[in-house]
PDB file of N, CA and C in Angstrom:
ATOM      1  N   MET A   1     -16.411  11.120  -0.017  1.00  0.00           N
ATOM      2  CA  MET A   1     -17.707  10.434  -0.074  1.00  0.00           C
ATOM      3  C   MET A   1     -17.588   9.509   1.226  1.00  0.00           C
ATOM      4  N   PRO A   2     -18.526   9.497   2.139  1.00  0.00           N
ATOM      5  CA  PRO A   2     -18.549   8.703   3.421  1.00  0.00           C
ATOM      6  C   PRO A   2     -18.295   7.324   3.157  1.00  0.00           C
ATOM      7  N   ILE A   3     -17.702   6.636   4.058  1.00  0.00           N
ATOM      8  CA  ILE A   3     -17.641   5.260   4.001  1.00  0.00           C
ATOM      9  C   ILE A   3     -18.839   4.572   4.483  1.00  0.00           C
ATOM     10  N   ASP A   4     -19.540   3.626   3.803  1.00  0.00           N
ATOM     11  CA  ASP A   4     -20.766   2.962   4.073  1.00  0.00           C
ATOM     12  C   ASP A   4     -20.216   1.440   4.499  1.00  0.00           C
ATOM     13  N   TYR A   5     -20.472   1.232   5.997  1.00  0.00           N
ATOM     14  CA  TYR A   5     -19.794   0.051   6.520  1.00  0.00           C
ATOM     15  C   TYR A   5     -21.014  -1.021   6.256  1.00  0.00           C
ATOM     16  N   GLU A   6     -22.114  -0.863   5.792  1.00  0.00           N
ATOM     17  CA  GLU A   6     -23.114  -1.790   5.615  1.00  0.00           C
ATOM     18  C   GLU A   6     -22.566  -3.131   4.624  1.00  0.00           C
ATOM     19  N   GLY A   7     -22.591  -4.202   5.213  1.00  0.00           N
ATOM     20  CA  GLY A   7     -22.349  -5.469   4.460  1.00  0.00           C
ATOM     21  C   GLY A   7     -20.648  -5.739   4.244  1.00  0.00           C
ATOM     22  N   ARG A   8     -19.986  -4.960   5.008  1.00  0.00           N
ATOM     23  CA  ARG A   8     -18.552  -5.320   4.866  1.00  0.00           C
ATOM     24  C   ARG A   8     -18.300  -6.191   6.080  1.00  0.00           C
ATOM     25  N   ARG A   9     -17.290  -6.966   5.705  1.00  0.00           N
ATOM     26  CA  ARG A   9     -16.681  -8.131   6.687  1.00  0.00           C
ATOM     27  C   ARG A   9     -15.252  -7.868   6.828  1.00  0.00           C
ATOM     28  N   PHE A  10     -14.914  -7.852   8.121  1.00  0.00           N
ATOM     29  CA  PHE A  10     -13.610  -7.504   8.564  1.00  0.00           C
ATOM     30  C   PHE A  10     -12.927  -8.713   9.242  1.00  0.00           C
ATOM     31  N   ARG A  11     -11.530  -8.923   9.339  1.00  0.00           N
ATOM     32  CA  ARG A  11     -10.854 -10.013   9.861  1.00  0.00           C
ATOM     33  C   ARG A  11      -9.961  -9.491  10.710  1.00  0.00           C
ATOM     34  N   SER A  12     -10.028 -10.057  11.953  1.00  0.00           N
ATOM     35  CA  SER A  12      -8.984  -9.645  12.848  1.00  0.00           C
ATOM     36  C   SER A  12      -7.818 -10.837  12.991  1.00  0.00           C
ATOM     37  N   SER A  13      -6.637 -10.390  13.167  1.00  0.00           N
ATOM     38  CA  SER A  13      -5.594 -11.375  13.479  1.00  0.00           C
ATOM     39  C   SER A  13      -4.878 -11.200  14.932  1.00  0.00           C
ATOM     40  N   ALA A  14      -5.542 -10.554  15.748  1.00  0.00           N
ATOM     41  CA  ALA A  14      -4.993 -10.221  17.080  1.00  0.00           C
ATOM     42  C   ALA A  14      -4.651 -11.591  17.635  1.00  0.00           C
ATOM     43  N   ALA A  15      -3.665 -11.770  18.329  1.00  0.00           N
ATOM     44  CA  ALA A  15      -3.176 -13.023  18.742  1.00  0.00           C
ATOM     45  C   ALA A  15      -4.046 -13.801  19.874  1.00  0.00           C
ATOM     46  N   GLU A  16      -4.589 -12.780  20.920  1.00  0.00           N
ATOM     47  CA  GLU A  16      -5.502 -13.422  21.788  1.00  0.00           C
ATOM     48  C   GLU A  16      -6.652 -13.825  21.222  1.00  0.00           C
ATOM     49  N   THR A  17      -7.185 -13.603  20.036  1.00  0.00           N
ATOM     50  CA  THR A  17      -8.515 -14.117  19.580  1.00  0.00           C
ATOM     51  C   THR A  17      -8.282 -14.930  18.486  1.00  0.00           C
ATOM     52  N   ALA A  18      -7.085 -15.314  17.930  1.00  0.00           N
ATOM     53  CA  ALA A  18      -6.863 -16.010  16.889  1.00  0.00           C
ATOM     54  C   ALA A  18      -6.563 -17.677  17.392  1.00  0.00           C
ATOM     55  N   SER A  19      -6.691 -18.547  16.651  1.00  0.00           N
ATOM     56  CA  SER A  19      -6.434 -19.885  17.039  1.00  0.00           C
ATOM     57  C   SER A  19      -6.109 -20.753  15.763  1.00  0.00           C
ATOM     58  N   ALA A  20      -5.718 -22.014  16.117  1.00  0.00           N
ATOM     59  CA  ALA A  20      -5.479 -22.933  14.892  1.00  0.00           C
ATOM     60  C   ALA A  20      -6.597 -23.034  14.183  1.00  0.00           C
ATOM     61  N   GLY A  21      -7.883 -22.845  14.630  1.00  0.00           N
ATOM     62  CA  GLY A  21      -9.059 -22.878  14.063  1.00  0.00           C
ATOM     63  C   GLY A  21      -9.479 -21.608  13.287  1.00  0.00           C
ATOM     64  N   GLY A  22      -8.746 -20.530  13.339  1.00  0.00           N
ATOM     65  CA  GLY A  22      -9.034 -19.484  12.446  1.00  0.00           C
ATOM     66  C   GLY A  22      -9.025 -18.207  13.063  1.00  0.00           C
ATOM     67  N   VAL A  23      -9.571 -17.188  12.532  1.00  0.00           N
ATOM     68  CA  VAL A  23      -9.545 -15.761  13.192  1.00  0.00           C
ATOM     69  C   VAL A  23     -10.914 -15.170  13.148  1.00  0.00           C
ATOM     70  N   PRO A  24     -11.216 -14.262  14.002  1.00  0.00           N
ATOM     71  CA  PRO A  24     -12.570 -13.866  14.075  1.00  0.00           C
ATOM     72  C   PRO A  24     -12.849 -12.886  12.882  1.00  0.00           C
ATOM     73  N   VAL A  25     -14.019 -13.249  12.350  1.00  0.00           N
ATOM     74  CA  VAL A  25     -14.635 -12.410  11.325  1.00  0.00           C
ATOM     75  C   VAL A  25     -15.708 -11.604  11.780  1.00  0.00           C
ATOM     76  N   GLY A  26     -15.825 -10.177  11.371  1.00  0.00           N
ATOM     77  CA  GLY A  26     -16.976  -9.484  11.865  1.00  0.00           C
ATOM     78  C   GLY A  26     -17.736  -9.118  10.669  1.00  0.00           C
ATOM     79  N   ARG A  27     -19.189  -9.055  10.664  1.00  0.00           N
ATOM     80  CA  ARG A  27     -20.176  -8.657   9.745  1.00  0.00           C
ATOM     81  C   ARG A  27     -20.769  -7.393  10.098  1.00  0.00           C
ATOM     82  N   TYR A  28     -20.413  -6.233   9.380  1.00  0.00           N
ATOM     83  CA  TYR A  28     -20.864  -4.910   9.820  1.00  0.00           C
ATOM     84  C   TYR A  28     -22.211  -4.613   9.146  1.00  0.00           C
ATOM     85  N   HIS A  29     -22.817  -3.650   9.905  1.00  0.00           N
ATOM     86  CA  HIS A  29     -24.124  -3.189   9.418  1.00  0.00           C
ATOM     87  C   HIS A  29     -24.048  -1.681   9.876  1.00  0.00           C
ATOM     88  N   GLN A  30     -24.923  -0.978   8.921  1.00  0.00           N
ATOM     89  CA  GLN A  30     -25.153   0.502   9.230  1.00  0.00           C
ATOM     90  C   GLN A  30     -26.480   1.119   8.817  1.00  0.00           C
ATOM     91  N   ASP A  31     -27.001   1.742   9.674  1.00  0.00           N
ATOM     92  CA  ASP A  31     -28.216   2.610   9.360  1.00  0.00           C
ATOM     93  C   ASP A  31     -28.006   3.996   9.858  1.00  0.00           C
ATOM     94  N   GLY A  32     -27.969   4.966   8.869  1.00  0.00           N
ATOM     95  CA  GLY A  32     -27.562   6.235   9.207  1.00  0.00           C
ATOM     96  C   GLY A  32     -26.200   6.296   9.692  1.00  0.00           C
ATOM     97  N   ASP A  33     -26.025   6.774  10.843  1.00  0.00           N
ATOM     98  CA  ASP A  33     -24.716   6.941  11.671  1.00  0.00           C
ATOM     99  C   ASP A  33     -24.656   5.886  12.749  1.00  0.00           C
ATOM    100  N   THR A  34     -25.503   4.904  12.874  1.00  0.00           N
ATOM    101  CA  THR A  34     -25.439   3.834  13.709  1.00  0.00           C
ATOM    102  C   THR A  34     -24.825   2.655  13.035  1.00  0.00           C
ATOM    103  N   VAL A  35     -23.675   2.106  13.689  1.00  0.00           N
ATOM    104  CA  VAL A  35     -22.895   0.909  13.128  1.00  0.00           C
ATOM    105  C   VAL A  35     -23.048  -0.082  14.254  1.00  0.00           C
ATOM    106  N   TRP A  36     -23.264  -1.425  13.707  1.00  0.00           N
ATOM    107  CA  TRP A  36     -23.160  -2.451  14.571  1.00  0.00           C
ATOM    108  C   TRP A  36     -22.633  -3.775  13.720  1.00  0.00           C
ATOM    109  N   ALA A  37     -22.138  -4.699  14.536  1.00  0.00           N
ATOM    110  CA  ALA A  37     -21.549  -5.960  13.995  1.00  0.00           C
ATOM    111  C   ALA A  37     -21.647  -7.066  14.927  1.00  0.00           C
ATOM    112  N   ASP A  38     -21.696  -8.171  14.291  1.00  0.00           N
ATOM    113  CA  ASP A  38     -21.344  -9.695  15.050  1.00  0.00           C
ATOM    114  C   ASP A  38     -20.297 -10.283  14.461  1.00  0.00           C
ATOM    115  N   PHE A  39     -19.536 -10.874  15.510  1.00  0.00           N
ATOM    116  CA  PHE A  39     -18.334 -11.503  14.964  1.00  0.00           C
ATOM    117  C   PHE A  39     -18.133 -12.684  15.718  1.00  0.00           C
ATOM    118  N   ASP A  40     -17.385 -13.702  15.132  1.00  0.00           N
ATOM    119  CA  ASP A  40     -16.915 -15.066  15.692  1.00  0.00           C
ATOM    120  C   ASP A  40     -15.986 -15.643  14.975  1.00  0.00           C
ATOM    121  N   GLY A  41     -15.272 -16.682  15.547  1.00  0.00           N
ATOM    122  CA  GLY A  41     -14.210 -17.424  14.885  1.00  0.00           C
ATOM    123  C   GLY A  41     -12.964 -17.276  15.738  1.00  0.00           C
ATOM    124  N   GLY A  42     -11.946 -18.201  15.680  1.00  0.00           N
ATOM    125  CA  GLY A  42     -10.900 -18.370  16.374  1.00  0.00           C
ATOM    126  C   GLY A  42     -11.327 -18.598  17.947  1.00  0.00           C
ATOM    127  N   GLN A  43     -10.851 -17.745  18.854  1.00  0.00           N
ATOM    128  CA  GLN A  43     -11.200 -17.989  20.106  1.00  0.00           C
ATOM    129  C   GLN A  43     -12.407 -17.318  20.726  1.00  0.00           C
ATOM    130  N   VAL A  44     -13.138 -16.590  19.754  1.00  0.00           N
ATOM    131  CA  VAL A  44     -14.228 -15.677  19.854  1.00  0.00           C
ATOM    132  C   VAL A  44     -15.488 -16.661  19.573  1.00  0.00           C
ATOM    133  N   VAL A  45     -16.359 -17.118  20.631  1.00  0.00           N
ATOM    134  CA  VAL A  45     -17.587 -18.013  20.306  1.00  0.00           C
ATOM    135  C   VAL A  45     -18.517 -17.020  19.771  1.00  0.00           C
ATOM    136  N   ARG A  46     -18.777 -15.789  20.283  1.00  0.00           N
ATOM    137  CA  ARG A  46     -19.702 -14.786  19.892  1.00  0.00           C
ATOM    138  C   ARG A  46     -19.330 -13.482  20.281  1.00  0.00           C
ATOM    139  N   GLY A  47     -19.536 -12.412  19.716  1.00  0.00           N
ATOM    140  CA  GLY A  47     -19.247 -11.099  19.964  1.00  0.00           C
ATOM    141  C   GLY A  47     -20.062 -10.185  19.113  1.00  0.00           C
ATOM    142  N   TYR A  48     -20.314  -9.087  19.790  1.00  0.00           N
ATOM    143  CA  TYR A  48     -21.179  -7.943  19.274  1.00  0.00           C
ATOM    144  C   TYR A  48     -20.601  -6.545  19.517  1.00  0.00           C
ATOM    145  N   LEU A  49     -20.671  -5.602  18.560  1.00  0.00           N
ATOM    146  CA  LEU A  49     -20.328  -4.238  18.759  1.00  0.00           C
ATOM    147  C   LEU A  49     -21.412  -3.339  18.290  1.00  0.00           C
ATOM    148  N   VAL A  50     -21.471  -2.029  18.916  1.00  0.00           N
ATOM    149  CA  VAL A  50     -22.368  -1.224  18.425  1.00  0.00           C
ATOM    150  C   VAL A  50     -21.995   0.294  18.818  1.00  0.00           C
ATOM    151  N   GLY A  51     -22.259   1.202  17.882  1.00  0.00           N
ATOM    152  CA  GLY A  51     -21.835   2.435  18.240  1.00  0.00           C
ATOM    153  C   GLY A  51     -22.166   3.444  17.079  1.00  0.00           C
ATOM    154  N   ARG A  52     -21.451   4.465  16.841  1.00  0.00           N
ATOM    155  CA  ARG A  52     -21.674   5.511  15.865  1.00  0.00           C
ATOM    156  C   ARG A  52     -20.580   5.906  14.991  1.00  0.00           C
ATOM    157  N   ARG A  53     -20.989   6.355  13.765  1.00  0.00           N
ATOM    158  CA  ARG A  53     -19.888   6.622  12.801  1.00  0.00           C
ATOM    159  C   ARG A  53     -19.764   8.197  12.673  1.00  0.00           C
ATOM    160  N   SER A  54     -18.709   8.599  12.942  1.00  0.00           N
ATOM    161  CA  SER A  54     -18.468  10.179  12.969  1.00  0.00           C
ATOM    162  C   SER A  54     -18.341  10.648  11.487  1.00  0.00           C
ATOM    163  N   ASP A  55     -18.193  12.024  11.346  1.00  0.00           N
ATOM    164  CA  ASP A  55     -18.220  12.726   9.957  1.00  0.00           C
ATOM    165  C   ASP A  55     -16.953  12.237   9.325  1.00  0.00           C
ATOM    166  N   ASP A  56     -15.812  11.999  10.148  1.00  0.00           N
ATOM    167  CA  ASP A  56     -14.554  11.576   9.545  1.00  0.00           C
ATOM    168  C   ASP A  56     -14.575  10.137   9.323  1.00  0.00           C
ATOM    169  N   ASP A  57     -15.652   9.336   9.285  1.00  0.00           N
ATOM    170  CA  ASP A  57     -15.802   8.069   8.961  1.00  0.00           C
ATOM    171  C   ASP A  57     -15.249   7.125  10.118  1.00  0.00           C
ATOM    172  N   SER A  58     -14.484   7.660  11.333  1.00  0.00           N
ATOM    173  CA  SER A  58     -14.061   6.914  12.391  1.00  0.00           C
ATOM    174  C   SER A  58     -15.450   6.133  13.119  1.00  0.00           C
ATOM    175  N   LEU A  59     -15.147   5.284  13.828  1.00  0.00           N
ATOM    176  CA  LEU A  59     -16.159   4.511  14.583  1.00  0.00           C
ATOM    177  C   LEU A  59     -16.018   4.648  16.020  1.00  0.00           C
ATOM    178  N   ASP A  60     -16.925   4.956  17.071  1.00  0.00           N
ATOM    179  CA  ASP A  60     -16.852   5.015  18.364  1.00  0.00           C
ATOM    180  C   ASP A  60     -17.711   3.940  18.749  1.00  0.00           C
ATOM    181  N   LEU A  61     -17.262   2.632  19.427  1.00  0.00           N
ATOM    182  CA  LEU A  61     -18.000   1.546  19.445  1.00  0.00           C
ATOM    183  C   LEU A  61     -17.845   0.903  20.923  1.00  0.00           C
ATOM    184  N   ALA A  62     -18.808   0.241  21.516  1.00  0.00           N
ATOM    185  CA  ALA A  62     -18.933  -0.605  22.596  1.00  0.00           C
ATOM    186  C   ALA A  62     -18.815  -2.126  22.131  1.00  0.00           C
ATOM    187  N   TYR A  63     -18.113  -2.928  22.779  1.00  0.00           N
ATOM    188  CA  TYR A  63     -18.045  -4.311  22.425  1.00  0.00           C
ATOM    189  C   TYR A  63     -18.296  -5.135  23.657  1.00  0.00           C
ATOM    190  N   CYS A  64     -18.681  -6.462  23.454  1.00  0.00           N
ATOM    191  CA  CYS A  64     -18.812  -7.442  24.221  1.00  0.00           C
ATOM    192  C   CYS A  64     -18.452  -8.930  23.369  1.00  0.00           C
ATOM    193  N   GLN A  65     -17.716  -9.791  23.972  1.00  0.00           N
ATOM    194  CA  GLN A  65     -17.671 -11.078  23.366  1.00  0.00           C
ATOM    195  C   GLN A  65     -17.488 -12.133  24.335  1.00  0.00           C
ATOM    196  N   VAL A  66     -17.836 -13.345  24.015  1.00  0.00           N
ATOM    197  CA  VAL A  66     -17.572 -14.694  24.850  1.00  0.00           C
ATOM    198  C   VAL A  66     -16.413 -15.305  24.204  1.00  0.00           C
ATOM    199  N   LEU A  67     -15.403 -15.564  24.859  1.00  0.00           N
ATOM    200  CA  LEU A  67     -14.256 -16.513  24.448  1.00  0.00           C
ATOM    201  C   LEU A  67     -14.500 -17.799  24.694  1.00  0.00           C
ATOM    202  N   ALA A  68     -13.680 -18.742  23.997  1.00  0.00           N
ATOM    203  CA  ALA A  68     -13.745 -20.166  24.104  1.00  0.00           C
ATOM    204  C   ALA A  68     -13.661 -20.749  25.514  1.00  0.00           C
ATOM    205  N   ASP A  69     -12.766 -19.938  26.306  1.00  0.00           N
ATOM    206  CA  ASP A  69     -12.674 -20.547  27.702  1.00  0.00           C
ATOM    207  C   ASP A  69     -13.734 -19.958  28.687  1.00  0.00           C
ATOM    208  N   ALA A  70     -14.866 -19.425  28.035  1.00  0.00           N
ATOM    209  CA  ALA A  70     -15.945 -18.929  28.766  1.00  0.00           C
ATOM    210  C   ALA A  70     -15.695 -17.614  29.431  1.00  0.00           C
ATOM    211  N   THR A  71     -14.712 -16.978  29.140  1.00  0.00           N
ATOM    212  CA  THR A  71     -14.397 -15.595  29.678  1.00  0.00           C
ATOM    213  C   THR A  71     -15.242 -14.562  28.920  1.00  0.00           C
ATOM    214  N   VAL A  72     -16.019 -13.713  29.604  1.00  0.00           N
ATOM    215  CA  VAL A  72     -16.756 -12.600  28.976  1.00  0.00           C
ATOM    216  C   VAL A  72     -15.837 -11.340  29.057  1.00  0.00           C
ATOM    217  N   VAL A  73     -15.674 -10.782  27.821  1.00  0.00           N
ATOM    218  CA  VAL A  73     -14.843  -9.590  27.697  1.00  0.00           C
ATOM    219  C   VAL A  73     -15.746  -8.318  27.121  1.00  0.00           C
ATOM    220  N   SER A  74     -15.550  -7.249  27.790  1.00  0.00           N
ATOM    221  CA  SER A  74     -16.314  -5.969  27.210  1.00  0.00           C
ATOM    222  C   SER A  74     -15.344  -4.838  27.345  1.00  0.00           C
ATOM    223  N   GLY A  75     -15.694  -3.776  26.617  1.00  0.00           N
ATOM    224  CA  GLY A  75     -14.935  -2.587  26.534  1.00  0.00           C
ATOM    225  C   GLY A  75     -15.442  -1.609  25.449  1.00  0.00           C
ATOM    226  N   ARG A  76     -14.513  -0.675  25.027  1.00  0.00           N
ATOM    227  CA  ARG A  76     -14.832   0.305  24.014  1.00  0.00           C
ATOM    228  C   ARG A  76     -13.587   0.375  22.937  1.00  0.00           C
ATOM    229  N   VAL A  77     -14.035   0.787  21.665  1.00  0.00           N
ATOM    230  CA  VAL A  77     -13.053   0.971  20.813  1.00  0.00           C
ATOM    231  C   VAL A  77     -13.172   2.009  20.003  1.00  0.00           C
ATOM    232  N   ARG A  78     -12.233   2.681  19.472  1.00  0.00           N
ATOM    233  CA  ARG A  78     -12.197   3.790  18.371  1.00  0.00           C
ATOM    234  C   ARG A  78     -11.590   3.179  17.207  1.00  0.00           C
ATOM    235  N   SER A  79     -12.271   3.063  16.093  1.00  0.00           N
ATOM    236  CA  SER A  79     -11.740   2.669  14.863  1.00  0.00           C
ATOM    237  C   SER A  79     -11.578   3.666  13.820  1.00  0.00           C
ATOM    238  N   THR A  80     -10.315   3.922  13.400  1.00  0.00           N
ATOM    239  CA  THR A  80     -10.041   4.962  12.375  1.00  0.00           C
ATOM    240  C   THR A  80      -9.722   4.324  11.070  1.00  0.00           C
ATOM    241  N   PRO A  81     -10.374   4.649   9.889  1.00  0.00           N
ATOM    242  CA  PRO A  81     -10.273   3.844   8.548  1.00  0.00           C
ATOM    243  C   PRO A  81      -9.129   4.382   7.856  1.00  0.00           C
ATOM    244  N   GLU A  82      -8.662   3.470   7.115  1.00  0.00           N
ATOM    245  CA  GLU A  82      -7.802   3.809   5.991  1.00  0.00           C
ATOM    246  C   GLU A  82      -8.088   3.224   4.549  1.00  0.00           C
ATOM    247  N   LEU A  83      -8.298   3.803   3.676  1.00  0.00           N
ATOM    248  CA  LEU A  83      -8.753   3.231   2.325  1.00  0.00           C
ATOM    249  C   LEU A  83      -7.491   2.628   1.840  1.00  0.00           C
ATOM    250  N   LEU A  84      -7.669   1.407   1.287  1.00  0.00           N
ATOM    251  CA  LEU A  84      -6.455   0.593   0.672  1.00  0.00           C
ATOM    252  C   LEU A  84      -6.799   0.969  -0.793  1.00  0.00           C
ATOM    253  N   PRO A  85      -5.665   0.681  -1.588  1.00  0.00           N
ATOM    254  CA  PRO A  85      -5.699   1.107  -3.161  1.00  0.00           C
ATOM    255  C   PRO A  85      -6.645   0.175  -3.877  1.00  0.00           C
ATOM    256  N   ASP A  86      -7.141  -1.010  -3.318  1.00  0.00           N
ATOM    257  CA  ASP A  86      -8.117  -1.669  -4.052  1.00  0.00           C
ATOM    258  C   ASP A  86      -9.517  -1.469  -3.696  1.00  0.00           C
ATOM    259  N   GLY A  87      -9.598  -0.313  -2.735  1.00  0.00           N
ATOM    260  CA  GLY A  87     -10.938  -0.031  -2.259  1.00  0.00           C
ATOM    261  C   GLY A  87     -11.582  -0.505  -1.095  1.00  0.00           C
ATOM    262  N   ARG A  88     -10.687  -1.587  -0.485  1.00  0.00           N
ATOM    263  CA  ARG A  88     -11.052  -2.251   0.615  1.00  0.00           C
ATOM    264  C   ARG A  88     -10.694  -1.084   1.912  1.00  0.00           C
ATOM    265  N   VAL A  89     -11.075  -1.399   3.236  1.00  0.00           N
ATOM    266  CA  VAL A  89     -10.881  -0.684   4.308  1.00  0.00           C
ATOM    267  C   VAL A  89     -10.030  -1.399   5.286  1.00  0.00           C
ATOM    268  N   ARG A  90      -9.197  -0.774   5.905  1.00  0.00           N
ATOM    269  CA  ARG A  90      -8.417  -1.235   6.971  1.00  0.00           C
ATOM    270  C   ARG A  90      -8.688  -0.387   8.190  1.00  0.00           C
ATOM    271  N   LEU A  91      -9.065  -0.871   9.360  1.00  0.00           N
ATOM    272  CA  LEU A  91      -9.459  -0.150  10.718  1.00  0.00           C
ATOM    273  C   LEU A  91      -8.277  -0.409  11.634  1.00  0.00           C
ATOM    274  N   ARG A  92      -7.784   0.837  12.001  1.00  0.00           N
ATOM    275  CA  ARG A  92      -6.924   0.937  13.160  1.00  0.00           C
ATOM    276  C   ARG A  92      -7.570   1.162  14.412  1.00  0.00           C
ATOM    277  N   GLU A  93      -7.587   0.122  15.263  1.00  0.00           N
ATOM    278  CA  GLU A  93      -8.495   0.135  16.619  1.00  0.00           C
ATOM    279  C   GLU A  93      -7.716   0.333  17.882  1.00  0.00           C
ATOM    280  N   GLU A  94      -8.072   1.490  18.497  1.00  0.00           N
ATOM    281  CA  GLU A  94      -7.619   1.774  19.744  1.00  0.00           C
ATOM    282  C   GLU A  94      -8.706   1.329  20.738  1.00  0.00           C
ATOM    283  N   TRP A  95      -8.226   0.287  21.384  1.00  0.00           N
ATOM    284  CA  TRP A  95      -9.418  -0.412  22.442  1.00  0.00           C
ATOM    285  C   TRP A  95      -8.983  -0.244  23.805  1.00  0.00           C
ATOM    286  N   GLU A  96     -10.081  -0.471  24.702  1.00  0.00           N
ATOM    287  CA  GLU A  96      -9.721  -0.574  26.144  1.00  0.00           C
ATOM    288  C   GLU A  96     -10.740  -1.657  26.608  1.00  0.00           C
ATOM    289  N   ARG A  97     -10.229  -2.609  27.258  1.00  0.00           N
ATOM    290  CA  ARG A  97     -11.052  -3.726  27.812  1.00  0.00           C
ATOM    291  C   ARG A  97     -11.195  -3.386  29.450  1.00  0.00           C
ATOM    292  N   TYR A  98     -12.444  -3.602  29.713  1.00  0.00           N
ATOM    293  CA  TYR A  98     -12.998  -3.449  31.184  1.00  0.00           C
ATOM    294  C   TYR A  98     -12.798  -4.658  32.005  1.00  0.00           C
ATOM    295  N   GLY A  99     -12.844  -4.515  33.281  1.00  0.00           N
ATOM    296  CA  GLY A  99     -13.098  -5.604  34.253  1.00  0.00           C
ATOM    297  C   GLY A  99     -11.887  -6.127  34.770  1.00  0.00           C
ATOM    298  N   PRO A 100     -11.859  -7.412  35.177  1.00  0.00           N
ATOM    299  CA  PRO A 100     -10.781  -7.946  35.808  1.00  0.00           C
ATOM    300  C   PRO A 100      -9.606  -8.143  35.026  1.00  0.00           C
ATOM    301  N   HIS A 101      -9.644  -8.130  33.728  1.00  0.00           N
ATOM    302  CA  HIS A 101      -8.527  -8.252  32.876  1.00  0.00           C
ATOM    303  C   HIS A 101      -8.580  -7.101  31.978  1.00  0.00           C
ATOM    304  N   ALA A 102      -8.569  -5.917  32.792  1.00  0.00           N
ATOM    305  CA  ALA A 102      -8.416  -4.694  32.032  1.00  0.00           C
ATOM    306  C   ALA A 102      -7.213  -4.474  31.343  1.00  0.00           C
ATOM    307  N   SER A 103      -7.151  -3.940  30.153  1.00  0.00           N
ATOM    308  CA  SER A 103      -6.061  -3.672  29.412  1.00  0.00           C
ATOM    309  C   SER A 103      -6.295  -2.504  28.195  1.00  0.00           C
ATOM    310  N   GLN A 104      -5.280  -2.203  27.573  1.00  0.00           N
ATOM    311  CA  GLN A 104      -5.635  -1.149  26.443  1.00  0.00           C
ATOM    312  C   GLN A 104      -4.555  -1.571  25.288  1.00  0.00           C
ATOM    313  N   GLY A 105      -5.107  -1.341  24.111  1.00  0.00           N
ATOM    314  CA  GLY A 105      -4.085  -1.731  23.010  1.00  0.00           C
ATOM    315  C   GLY A 105      -4.511  -1.142  21.786  1.00  0.00           C
ATOM    316  N   VAL A 106      -3.799  -1.477  20.630  1.00  0.00           N
ATOM    317  CA  VAL A 106      -4.034  -1.151  19.212  1.00  0.00           C
ATOM    318  C   VAL A 106      -4.052  -2.476  18.484  1.00  0.00           C
ATOM    319  N   SER A 107      -5.176  -2.530  17.478  1.00  0.00           N
ATOM    320  CA  SER A 107      -5.140  -3.665  16.678  1.00  0.00           C
ATOM    321  C   SER A 107      -5.456  -3.245  15.386  1.00  0.00           C
ATOM    322  N   VAL A 108      -5.246  -3.982  14.398  1.00  0.00           N
ATOM    323  CA  VAL A 108      -5.653  -3.520  13.008  1.00  0.00           C
ATOM    324  C   VAL A 108      -6.509  -4.850  12.393  1.00  0.00           C
ATOM    325  N   ILE A 109      -7.679  -4.455  11.912  1.00  0.00           N
ATOM    326  CA  ILE A 109      -8.426  -5.330  11.135  1.00  0.00           C
ATOM    327  C   ILE A 109      -8.594  -4.943   9.744  1.00  0.00           C
ATOM    328  N   GLU A 110      -8.912  -5.840   8.682  1.00  0.00           N
ATOM    329  CA  GLU A 110      -8.830  -5.472   7.368  1.00  0.00           C
ATOM    330  C   GLU A 110     -10.041  -5.933   6.710  1.00  0.00           C
ATOM    331  N   GLU A 111     -10.710  -5.162   5.876  1.00  0.00           N
ATOM    332  CA  GLU A 111     -11.841  -5.855   5.201  1.00  0.00           C
ATOM    333  C   GLU A 111     -11.496  -7.045   4.222  1.00  0.00           C
ATOM    334  N   LEU A 112     -12.317  -8.027   4.244  1.00  0.00           N
ATOM    335  CA  LEU A 112     -12.154  -9.229   3.445  1.00  0.00           C
ATOM    336  C   LEU A 112     -12.634  -8.585   1.985  1.00  0.00           C
ATOM    337  N   PRO A 113     -12.009  -9.300   0.983  1.00  0.00           N
ATOM    338  CA  PRO A 113     -12.568  -9.118  -0.399  1.00  0.00           C
ATOM    339  C   PRO A 113     -13.935  -9.546  -0.491  1.00  0.00           C
ATOM    340  N   SER A 114     -14.824  -9.001  -1.192  1.00  0.00           N
ATOM    341  CA  SER A 114     -16.109  -9.323  -1.519  1.00  0.00           C
ATOM    342  C   SER A 114     -16.279 -10.321  -2.554  1.00  0.00           C
TER     343      SER A 114
END
């Protein structure tokens, strides 16, 4: 059965976006194969992502975010899901950041309990 991302909330613990004030939390939505989210928390003042869900439930997304130091960051991410024993979803994110601070990496975000 396909994963429905609608209404799921995911938490990031990436060092660059976490702070003493917390970590970013994303609120995901889905309409058909279109998936989008808004997120904030930690060093992220506001962020958005939008893209498509593939037949294997992976996500191909573009993102943009504004950090607390006023840096604007954009890029792309491919998220591969893993179902956890309790039914929640963990996403392995292979991301690429564009622009003057270009970089690549892998992060993991995990669904918050409902």
